[in-house]
Amino acid sequence: MEQLDTDLRPRVVDSIRTLLPRVLRKEMPEPTEQSRLMEDLGMSSSSTLELMLELEEDLALQIDVEDIDRDDFATVGTLADFVVRHLIPEE
């Protein structure tokens, strides 16, 4: 069973919080882990793709998005969990 990297997850959450206003091109209060990406923040399918690309660049990591599901984008917290669980190991 995969174990979440406890050091990486806070970095992922911070990165998501930092990137959301830029990706959504609007000012907003800092989202919490419970903030719903689509319903509360207004993300679309194109902005979710942009956010994933920005996360990879910001964190200097590769994320395997092959198994991504809409539920993984439910909240900031669920997205952070997905990212940590689906990192592509460095060779």
PDB file of N, CA and C in Angstrom:
ATOM      1  N   MET A   1       0.841  -1.192   0.000  1.00  0.00           N
ATOM      2  CA  MET A   1       0.000   0.000   0.000  1.00  0.00           C
ATOM      3  C   MET A   1       0.885   1.255   0.000  1.00  0.00           C
ATOM      4  N   GLU A   2       0.508   2.199  -0.806  1.00  0.00           N
ATOM      5  CA  GLU A   2       1.289   3.426  -0.895  1.00  0.00           C
ATOM      6  C   GLU A   2       1.042   4.288   0.341  1.00  0.00           C
ATOM      7  N   GLN A   3       2.098   4.882   0.834  1.00  0.00           N
ATOM      8  CA  GLN A   3       1.986   5.743   2.000  1.00  0.00           C
ATOM      9  C   GLN A   3       2.202   7.190   1.559  1.00  0.00           C
ATOM     10  N   LEU A   4       1.360   8.079   2.070  1.00  0.00           N
ATOM     11  CA  LEU A   4       1.500   9.483   1.710  1.00  0.00           C
ATOM     12  C   LEU A   4       2.780  10.048   2.306  1.00  0.00           C
ATOM     13  N   ASP A   5       3.493  10.815   1.537  1.00  0.00           N
ATOM     14  CA  ASP A   5       4.708  11.474   1.990  1.00  0.00           C
ATOM     15  C   ASP A   5       4.290  12.666   2.845  1.00  0.00           C
ATOM     16  N   THR A   6       4.511  12.549   4.158  1.00  0.00           N
ATOM     17  CA  THR A   6       4.024  13.585   5.070  1.00  0.00           C
ATOM     18  C   THR A   6       4.770  14.902   4.916  1.00  0.00           C
ATOM     19  N   ASP A   7       5.999  14.871   4.394  1.00  0.00           N
ATOM     20  CA  ASP A   7       6.730  16.115   4.169  1.00  0.00           C
ATOM     21  C   ASP A   7       6.284  16.801   2.885  1.00  0.00           C
ATOM     22  N   LEU A   8       5.904  16.009   1.902  1.00  0.00           N
ATOM     23  CA  LEU A   8       5.530  16.558   0.606  1.00  0.00           C
ATOM     24  C   LEU A   8       4.122  17.145   0.606  1.00  0.00           C
ATOM     25  N   ARG A   9       3.190  16.521   1.309  1.00  0.00           N
ATOM     26  CA  ARG A   9       1.790  16.946   1.239  1.00  0.00           C
ATOM     27  C   ARG A   9       1.592  18.423   1.603  1.00  0.00           C
ATOM     28  N   PRO A  10       2.192  18.926   2.699  1.00  0.00           N
ATOM     29  CA  PRO A  10       2.028  20.361   2.990  1.00  0.00           C
ATOM     30  C   PRO A  10       2.552  21.261   1.871  1.00  0.00           C
ATOM     31  N   ARG A  11       3.647  20.843   1.219  1.00  0.00           N
ATOM     32  CA  ARG A  11       4.167  21.617   0.078  1.00  0.00           C
ATOM     33  C   ARG A  11       3.173  21.627  -1.072  1.00  0.00           C
ATOM     34  N   VAL A  12       2.527  20.485  -1.307  1.00  0.00           N
ATOM     35  CA  VAL A  12       1.545  20.395  -2.387  1.00  0.00           C
ATOM     36  C   VAL A  12       0.354  21.298  -2.079  1.00  0.00           C
ATOM     37  N   VAL A  13      -0.144  21.256  -0.844  1.00  0.00           N
ATOM     38  CA  VAL A  13      -1.280  22.103  -0.455  1.00  0.00           C
ATOM     39  C   VAL A  13      -0.916  23.575  -0.628  1.00  0.00           C
ATOM     40  N   ASP A  14       0.265  23.969  -0.160  1.00  0.00           N
ATOM     41  CA  ASP A  14       0.698  25.369  -0.305  1.00  0.00           C
ATOM     42  C   ASP A  14       0.798  25.768  -1.771  1.00  0.00           C
ATOM     43  N   SER A  15       1.315  24.871  -2.587  1.00  0.00           N
ATOM     44  CA  SER A  15       1.449  25.153  -4.013  1.00  0.00           C
ATOM     45  C   SER A  15       0.075  25.330  -4.659  1.00  0.00           C
ATOM     46  N   ILE A  16      -0.862  24.455  -4.326  1.00  0.00           N
ATOM     47  CA  ILE A  16      -2.222  24.574  -4.869  1.00  0.00           C
ATOM     48  C   ILE A  16      -2.822  25.917  -4.471  1.00  0.00           C
ATOM     49  N   ARG A  17      -2.682  26.271  -3.202  1.00  0.00           N
ATOM     50  CA  ARG A  17      -3.236  27.548  -2.712  1.00  0.00           C
ATOM     51  C   ARG A  17      -2.617  28.744  -3.434  1.00  0.00           C
ATOM     52  N   THR A  18      -1.329  28.674  -3.702  1.00  0.00           N
ATOM     53  CA  THR A  18      -0.630  29.760  -4.389  1.00  0.00           C
ATOM     54  C   THR A  18      -1.022  29.844  -5.860  1.00  0.00           C
ATOM     55  N   LEU A  19      -1.158  28.682  -6.494  1.00  0.00           N
ATOM     56  CA  LEU A  19      -1.414  28.651  -7.936  1.00  0.00           C
ATOM     57  C   LEU A  19      -2.863  28.938  -8.316  1.00  0.00           C
ATOM     58  N   LEU A  20      -3.813  28.629  -7.453  1.00  0.00           N
ATOM     59  CA  LEU A  20      -5.225  28.788  -7.822  1.00  0.00           C
ATOM     60  C   LEU A  20      -5.584  30.186  -8.317  1.00  0.00           C
ATOM     61  N   PRO A  21      -5.205  31.263  -7.615  1.00  0.00           N
ATOM     62  CA  PRO A  21      -5.569  32.593  -8.136  1.00  0.00           C
ATOM     63  C   PRO A  21      -4.978  32.872  -9.515  1.00  0.00           C
ATOM     64  N   ARG A  22      -3.764  32.386  -9.761  1.00  0.00           N
ATOM     65  CA  ARG A  22      -3.129  32.601 -11.066  1.00  0.00           C
ATOM     66  C   ARG A  22      -3.843  31.793 -12.152  1.00  0.00           C
ATOM     67  N   VAL A  23      -4.142  30.529 -11.864  1.00  0.00           N
ATOM     68  CA  VAL A  23      -4.805  29.671 -12.846  1.00  0.00           C
ATOM     69  C   VAL A  23      -6.215  30.175 -13.143  1.00  0.00           C
ATOM     70  N   LEU A  24      -6.922  30.610 -12.099  1.00  0.00           N
ATOM     71  CA  LEU A  24      -8.301  31.083 -12.275  1.00  0.00           C
ATOM     72  C   LEU A  24      -8.368  32.552 -12.682  1.00  0.00           C
ATOM     73  N   ARG A  25      -7.207  33.211 -12.675  1.00  0.00           N
ATOM     74  CA  ARG A  25      -7.106  34.615 -13.080  1.00  0.00           C
ATOM     75  C   ARG A  25      -8.070  35.522 -12.308  1.00  0.00           C
ATOM     76  N   LYS A  26      -8.083  35.302 -10.986  1.00  0.00           N
ATOM     77  CA  LYS A  26      -8.901  36.170 -10.142  1.00  0.00           C
ATOM     78  C   LYS A  26      -8.348  36.169  -8.725  1.00  0.00           C
ATOM     79  N   GLU A  27      -8.591  37.274  -8.043  1.00  0.00           N
ATOM     80  CA  GLU A  27      -8.204  37.352  -6.641  1.00  0.00           C
ATOM     81  C   GLU A  27      -9.238  36.606  -5.826  1.00  0.00           C
ATOM     82  N   MET A  28      -8.772  35.976  -4.751  1.00  0.00           N
ATOM     83  CA  MET A  28      -9.688  35.221  -3.901  1.00  0.00           C
ATOM     84  C   MET A  28      -9.072  35.073  -2.523  1.00  0.00           C
ATOM     85  N   PRO A  29      -9.915  34.857  -1.519  1.00  0.00           N
ATOM     86  CA  PRO A  29      -9.352  34.542  -0.203  1.00  0.00           C
ATOM     87  C   PRO A  29      -8.605  33.207  -0.298  1.00  0.00           C
ATOM     88  N   GLU A  30      -7.614  33.015   0.552  1.00  0.00           N
ATOM     89  CA  GLU A  30      -6.839  31.771   0.481  1.00  0.00           C
ATOM     90  C   GLU A  30      -7.752  30.569   0.704  1.00  0.00           C
ATOM     91  N   PRO A  31      -7.757  29.635  -0.235  1.00  0.00           N
ATOM     92  CA  PRO A  31      -8.606  28.456  -0.077  1.00  0.00           C
ATOM     93  C   PRO A  31      -8.111  27.574   1.066  1.00  0.00           C
ATOM     94  N   THR A  32      -9.035  26.860   1.687  1.00  0.00           N
ATOM     95  CA  THR A  32      -8.686  25.886   2.717  1.00  0.00           C
ATOM     96  C   THR A  32      -8.635  24.506   2.070  1.00  0.00           C
ATOM     97  N   GLU A  33      -8.225  23.507   2.829  1.00  0.00           N
ATOM     98  CA  GLU A  33      -8.215  22.147   2.285  1.00  0.00           C
ATOM     99  C   GLU A  33      -9.624  21.664   1.963  1.00  0.00           C
ATOM    100  N   GLN A  34     -10.624  22.262   2.601  1.00  0.00           N
ATOM    101  CA  GLN A  34     -12.010  21.863   2.360  1.00  0.00           C
ATOM    102  C   GLN A  34     -12.668  22.650   1.224  1.00  0.00           C
ATOM    103  N   SER A  35     -11.988  23.648   0.686  1.00  0.00           N
ATOM    104  CA  SER A  35     -12.559  24.434  -0.418  1.00  0.00           C
ATOM    105  C   SER A  35     -12.811  23.523  -1.609  1.00  0.00           C
ATOM    106  N   ARG A  36     -14.043  23.565  -2.119  1.00  0.00           N
ATOM    107  CA  ARG A  36     -14.405  22.735  -3.276  1.00  0.00           C
ATOM    108  C   ARG A  36     -13.949  23.453  -4.544  1.00  0.00           C
ATOM    109  N   LEU A  37     -13.142  22.752  -5.325  1.00  0.00           N
ATOM    110  CA  LEU A  37     -12.510  23.376  -6.486  1.00  0.00           C
ATOM    111  C   LEU A  37     -13.515  23.831  -7.534  1.00  0.00           C
ATOM    112  N   MET A  38     -14.483  23.020  -7.838  1.00  0.00           N
ATOM    113  CA  MET A  38     -15.450  23.382  -8.885  1.00  0.00           C
ATOM    114  C   MET A  38     -16.556  24.276  -8.324  1.00  0.00           C
ATOM    115  N   GLU A  39     -17.200  23.811  -7.263  1.00  0.00           N
ATOM    116  CA  GLU A  39     -18.369  24.522  -6.742  1.00  0.00           C
ATOM    117  C   GLU A  39     -18.011  25.851  -6.080  1.00  0.00           C
ATOM    118  N   ASP A  40     -16.992  25.852  -5.217  1.00  0.00           N
ATOM    119  CA  ASP A  40     -16.647  27.068  -4.469  1.00  0.00           C
ATOM    120  C   ASP A  40     -15.742  28.014  -5.258  1.00  0.00           C
ATOM    121  N   LEU A  41     -14.799  27.440  -5.999  1.00  0.00           N
ATOM    122  CA  LEU A  41     -13.784  28.268  -6.650  1.00  0.00           C
ATOM    123  C   LEU A  41     -14.009  28.456  -8.142  1.00  0.00           C
ATOM    124  N   GLY A  42     -14.924  27.690  -8.720  1.00  0.00           N
ATOM    125  CA  GLY A  42     -15.278  27.883 -10.124  1.00  0.00           C
ATOM    126  C   GLY A  42     -14.309  27.296 -11.131  1.00  0.00           C
ATOM    127  N   MET A  43     -13.602  26.235 -10.757  1.00  0.00           N
ATOM    128  CA  MET A  43     -12.685  25.616 -11.716  1.00  0.00           C
ATOM    129  C   MET A  43     -13.460  24.902 -12.814  1.00  0.00           C
ATOM    130  N   SER A  44     -12.873  24.886 -14.002  1.00  0.00           N
ATOM    131  CA  SER A  44     -13.440  24.172 -15.150  1.00  0.00           C
ATOM    132  C   SER A  44     -12.478  23.046 -15.528  1.00  0.00           C
ATOM    133  N   SER A  45     -12.860  22.256 -16.513  1.00  0.00           N
ATOM    134  CA  SER A  45     -11.964  21.169 -16.932  1.00  0.00           C
ATOM    135  C   SER A  45     -10.653  21.722 -17.487  1.00  0.00           C
ATOM    136  N   SER A  46     -10.713  22.825 -18.208  1.00  0.00           N
ATOM    137  CA  SER A  46      -9.466  23.390 -18.743  1.00  0.00           C
ATOM    138  C   SER A  46      -8.596  23.980 -17.630  1.00  0.00           C
ATOM    139  N   SER A  47      -9.209  24.582 -16.620  1.00  0.00           N
ATOM    140  CA  SER A  47      -8.397  25.134 -15.528  1.00  0.00           C
ATOM    141  C   SER A  47      -7.811  24.025 -14.657  1.00  0.00           C
ATOM    142  N   THR A  48      -8.482  22.861 -14.573  1.00  0.00           N
ATOM    143  CA  THR A  48      -7.903  21.750 -13.816  1.00  0.00           C
ATOM    144  C   THR A  48      -6.653  21.223 -14.514  1.00  0.00           C
ATOM    145  N   LEU A  49      -6.692  21.138 -15.824  1.00  0.00           N
ATOM    146  CA  LEU A  49      -5.512  20.707 -16.581  1.00  0.00           C
ATOM    147  C   LEU A  49      -4.374  21.710 -16.391  1.00  0.00           C
ATOM    148  N   GLU A  50      -4.695  22.978 -16.498  1.00  0.00           N
ATOM    149  CA  GLU A  50      -3.679  24.017 -16.309  1.00  0.00           C
ATOM    150  C   GLU A  50      -3.083  23.943 -14.903  1.00  0.00           C
ATOM    151  N   LEU A  51      -3.933  23.717 -13.892  1.00  0.00           N
ATOM    152  CA  LEU A  51      -3.444  23.614 -12.517  1.00  0.00           C
ATOM    153  C   LEU A  51      -2.480  22.438 -12.372  1.00  0.00           C
ATOM    154  N   MET A  52      -2.800  21.296 -12.962  1.00  0.00           N
ATOM    155  CA  MET A  52      -1.917  20.133 -12.866  1.00  0.00           C
ATOM    156  C   MET A  52      -0.557  20.424 -13.511  1.00  0.00           C
ATOM    157  N   LEU A  53      -0.562  21.075 -14.667  1.00  0.00           N
ATOM    158  CA  LEU A  53       0.698  21.423 -15.331  1.00  0.00           C
ATOM    159  C   LEU A  53       1.507  22.411 -14.497  1.00  0.00           C
ATOM    160  N   GLU A  54       0.823  23.387 -13.920  1.00  0.00           N
ATOM    161  CA  GLU A  54       1.498  24.376 -13.067  1.00  0.00           C
ATOM    162  C   GLU A  54       2.064  23.714 -11.805  1.00  0.00           C
ATOM    163  N   LEU A  55       1.319  22.758 -11.245  1.00  0.00           N
ATOM    164  CA  LEU A  55       1.807  22.043 -10.060  1.00  0.00           C
ATOM    165  C   LEU A  55       3.090  21.280 -10.373  1.00  0.00           C
ATOM    166  N   GLU A  56       3.107  20.607 -11.509  1.00  0.00           N
ATOM    167  CA  GLU A  56       4.313  19.869 -11.898  1.00  0.00           C
ATOM    168  C   GLU A  56       5.510  20.809 -12.005  1.00  0.00           C
ATOM    169  N   GLU A  57       5.285  21.956 -12.609  1.00  0.00           N
ATOM    170  CA  GLU A  57       6.375  22.919 -12.773  1.00  0.00           C
ATOM    171  C   GLU A  57       6.795  23.512 -11.435  1.00  0.00           C
ATOM    172  N   ASP A  58       5.821  23.913 -10.625  1.00  0.00           N
ATOM    173  CA  ASP A  58       6.104  24.559  -9.347  1.00  0.00           C
ATOM    174  C   ASP A  58       6.834  23.619  -8.387  1.00  0.00           C
ATOM    175  N   LEU A  59       6.427  22.358  -8.375  1.00  0.00           N
ATOM    176  CA  LEU A  59       7.013  21.391  -7.447  1.00  0.00           C
ATOM    177  C   LEU A  59       8.198  20.636  -8.054  1.00  0.00           C
ATOM    178  N   ALA A  60       8.455  20.864  -9.349  1.00  0.00           N
ATOM    179  CA  ALA A  60       9.525  20.157 -10.072  1.00  0.00           C
ATOM    180  C   ALA A  60       9.358  18.645  -9.943  1.00  0.00           C
ATOM    181  N   LEU A  61       8.112  18.188 -10.154  1.00  0.00           N
ATOM    182  CA  LEU A  61       7.766  16.771 -10.060  1.00  0.00           C
ATOM    183  C   LEU A  61       6.900  16.392 -11.246  1.00  0.00           C
ATOM    184  N   GLN A  62       6.839  15.094 -11.529  1.00  0.00           N
ATOM    185  CA  GLN A  62       5.914  14.606 -12.551  1.00  0.00           C
ATOM    186  C   GLN A  62       4.780  13.872 -11.860  1.00  0.00           C
ATOM    187  N   ILE A  63       3.556  14.112 -12.330  1.00  0.00           N
ATOM    188  CA  ILE A  63       2.366  13.512 -11.739  1.00  0.00           C
ATOM    189  C   ILE A  63       1.715  12.622 -12.783  1.00  0.00           C
ATOM    190  N   ASP A  64       1.411  11.382 -12.398  1.00  0.00           N
ATOM    191  CA  ASP A  64       0.721  10.443 -13.286  1.00  0.00           C
ATOM    192  C   ASP A  64      -0.773  10.728 -13.204  1.00  0.00           C
ATOM    193  N   VAL A  65      -1.325  11.326 -14.253  1.00  0.00           N
ATOM    194  CA  VAL A  65      -2.738  11.723 -14.241  1.00  0.00           C
ATOM    195  C   VAL A  65      -3.629  10.725 -14.970  1.00  0.00           C
ATOM    196  N   GLU A  66      -3.072   9.571 -15.323  1.00  0.00           N
ATOM    197  CA  GLU A  66      -3.841   8.582 -16.079  1.00  0.00           C
ATOM    198  C   GLU A  66      -5.091   8.119 -15.330  1.00  0.00           C
ATOM    199  N   ASP A  67      -4.994   7.969 -14.021  1.00  0.00           N
ATOM    200  CA  ASP A  67      -6.114   7.457 -13.226  1.00  0.00           C
ATOM    201  C   ASP A  67      -6.908   8.552 -12.530  1.00  0.00           C
ATOM    202  N   ILE A  68      -6.740   9.795 -12.951  1.00  0.00           N
ATOM    203  CA  ILE A  68      -7.423  10.881 -12.247  1.00  0.00           C
ATOM    204  C   ILE A  68      -8.926  10.805 -12.487  1.00  0.00           C
ATOM    205  N   ASP A  69      -9.656  11.139 -11.465  1.00  0.00           N
ATOM    206  CA  ASP A  69     -11.107  11.072 -11.487  1.00  0.00           C
ATOM    207  C   ASP A  69     -11.651  12.415 -11.000  1.00  0.00           C
ATOM    208  N   ARG A  70     -12.864  12.709 -11.364  1.00  0.00           N
ATOM    209  CA  ARG A  70     -13.482  13.969 -10.929  1.00  0.00           C
ATOM    210  C   ARG A  70     -13.454  14.112  -9.406  1.00  0.00           C
ATOM    211  N   ASP A  71     -13.599  13.002  -8.689  1.00  0.00           N
ATOM    212  CA  ASP A  71     -13.582  13.051  -7.222  1.00  0.00           C
ATOM    213  C   ASP A  71     -12.236  13.534  -6.683  1.00  0.00           C
ATOM    214  N   ASP A  72     -11.167  13.307  -7.434  1.00  0.00           N
ATOM    215  CA  ASP A  72      -9.847  13.767  -7.006  1.00  0.00           C
ATOM    216  C   ASP A  72      -9.760  15.290  -7.016  1.00  0.00           C
ATOM    217  N   PHE A  73     -10.640  15.926  -7.770  1.00  0.00           N
ATOM    218  CA  PHE A  73     -10.690  17.389  -7.826  1.00  0.00           C
ATOM    219  C   PHE A  73     -11.800  17.958  -6.951  1.00  0.00           C
ATOM    220  N   ALA A  74     -12.314  17.168  -6.021  1.00  0.00           N
ATOM    221  CA  ALA A  74     -13.420  17.638  -5.185  1.00  0.00           C
ATOM    222  C   ALA A  74     -12.997  18.843  -4.343  1.00  0.00           C
ATOM    223  N   THR A  75     -11.870  18.725  -3.661  1.00  0.00           N
ATOM    224  CA  THR A  75     -11.403  19.799  -2.781  1.00  0.00           C
ATOM    225  C   THR A  75      -9.896  19.976  -2.937  1.00  0.00           C
ATOM    226  N   VAL A  76      -9.383  21.035  -2.336  1.00  0.00           N
ATOM    227  CA  VAL A  76      -7.934  21.248  -2.309  1.00  0.00           C
ATOM    228  C   VAL A  76      -7.256  20.040  -1.662  1.00  0.00           C
ATOM    229  N   GLY A  77      -7.829  19.535  -0.575  1.00  0.00           N
ATOM    230  CA  GLY A  77      -7.249  18.396   0.140  1.00  0.00           C
ATOM    231  C   GLY A  77      -7.238  17.115  -0.672  1.00  0.00           C
ATOM    232  N   THR A  78      -8.339  16.814  -1.375  1.00  0.00           N
ATOM    233  CA  THR A  78      -8.370  15.580  -2.172  1.00  0.00           C
ATOM    234  C   THR A  78      -7.399  15.670  -3.344  1.00  0.00           C
ATOM    235  N   LEU A  79      -7.228  16.849  -3.896  1.00  0.00           N
ATOM    236  CA  LEU A  79      -6.265  17.014  -4.984  1.00  0.00           C
ATOM    237  C   LEU A  79      -4.839  16.827  -4.464  1.00  0.00           C
ATOM    238  N   ALA A  80      -4.543  17.380  -3.292  1.00  0.00           N
ATOM    239  CA  ALA A  80      -3.209  17.205  -2.699  1.00  0.00           C
ATOM    240  C   ALA A  80      -2.924  15.727  -2.447  1.00  0.00           C
ATOM    241  N   ASP A  81      -3.914  14.996  -1.938  1.00  0.00           N
ATOM    242  CA  ASP A  81      -3.738  13.556  -1.705  1.00  0.00           C
ATOM    243  C   ASP A  81      -3.452  12.830  -3.015  1.00  0.00           C
ATOM    244  N   PHE A  82      -4.203  13.171  -4.064  1.00  0.00           N
ATOM    245  CA  PHE A  82      -3.995  12.540  -5.371  1.00  0.00           C
ATOM    246  C   PHE A  82      -2.573  12.790  -5.867  1.00  0.00           C
ATOM    247  N   VAL A  83      -2.134  14.035  -5.799  1.00  0.00           N
ATOM    248  CA  VAL A  83      -0.805  14.396  -6.305  1.00  0.00           C
ATOM    249  C   VAL A  83       0.275  13.593  -5.578  1.00  0.00           C
ATOM    250  N   VAL A  84       0.196  13.523  -4.254  1.00  0.00           N
ATOM    251  CA  VAL A  84       1.213  12.810  -3.481  1.00  0.00           C
ATOM    252  C   VAL A  84       1.212  11.315  -3.815  1.00  0.00           C
ATOM    253  N   ARG A  85       0.033  10.737  -4.027  1.00  0.00           N
ATOM    254  CA  ARG A  85      -0.068   9.296  -4.326  1.00  0.00           C
ATOM    255  C   ARG A  85       0.330   8.951  -5.757  1.00  0.00           C
ATOM    256  N   HIS A  86       0.307   9.921  -6.667  1.00  0.00           N
ATOM    257  CA  HIS A  86       0.524   9.622  -8.080  1.00  0.00           C
ATOM    258  C   HIS A  86       1.765  10.286  -8.674  1.00  0.00           C
ATOM    259  N   LEU A  87       2.765  10.494  -7.849  1.00  0.00           N
ATOM    260  CA  LEU A  87       4.020  11.032  -8.366  1.00  0.00           C
ATOM    261  C   LEU A  87       4.739   9.968  -9.176  1.00  0.00           C
ATOM    262  N   ILE A  88       5.364  10.375 -10.253  1.00  0.00           N
ATOM    263  CA  ILE A  88       6.175   9.467 -11.056  1.00  0.00           C
ATOM    264  C   ILE A  88       7.585   9.503 -10.463  1.00  0.00           C
ATOM    265  N   PRO A  89       8.085   8.347 -10.011  1.00  0.00           N
ATOM    266  CA  PRO A  89       9.408   8.328  -9.372  1.00  0.00           C
ATOM    267  C   PRO A  89      10.497   8.810 -10.326  1.00  0.00           C
ATOM    268  N   GLU A  90      11.469   9.505  -9.757  1.00  0.00           N
ATOM    269  CA  GLU A  90      12.612   9.960 -10.552  1.00  0.00           C
ATOM    270  C   GLU A  90      13.482   8.758 -10.862  1.00  0.00           C
ATOM    271  N   GLU A  91      14.025   8.748 -12.063  1.00  0.00           N
ATOM    272  CA  GLU A  91      14.876   7.610 -12.466  1.00  0.00           C
ATOM    273  C   GLU A  91      16.306   7.859 -12.091  1.00  0.00           C
TER     274      GLU A  91
END
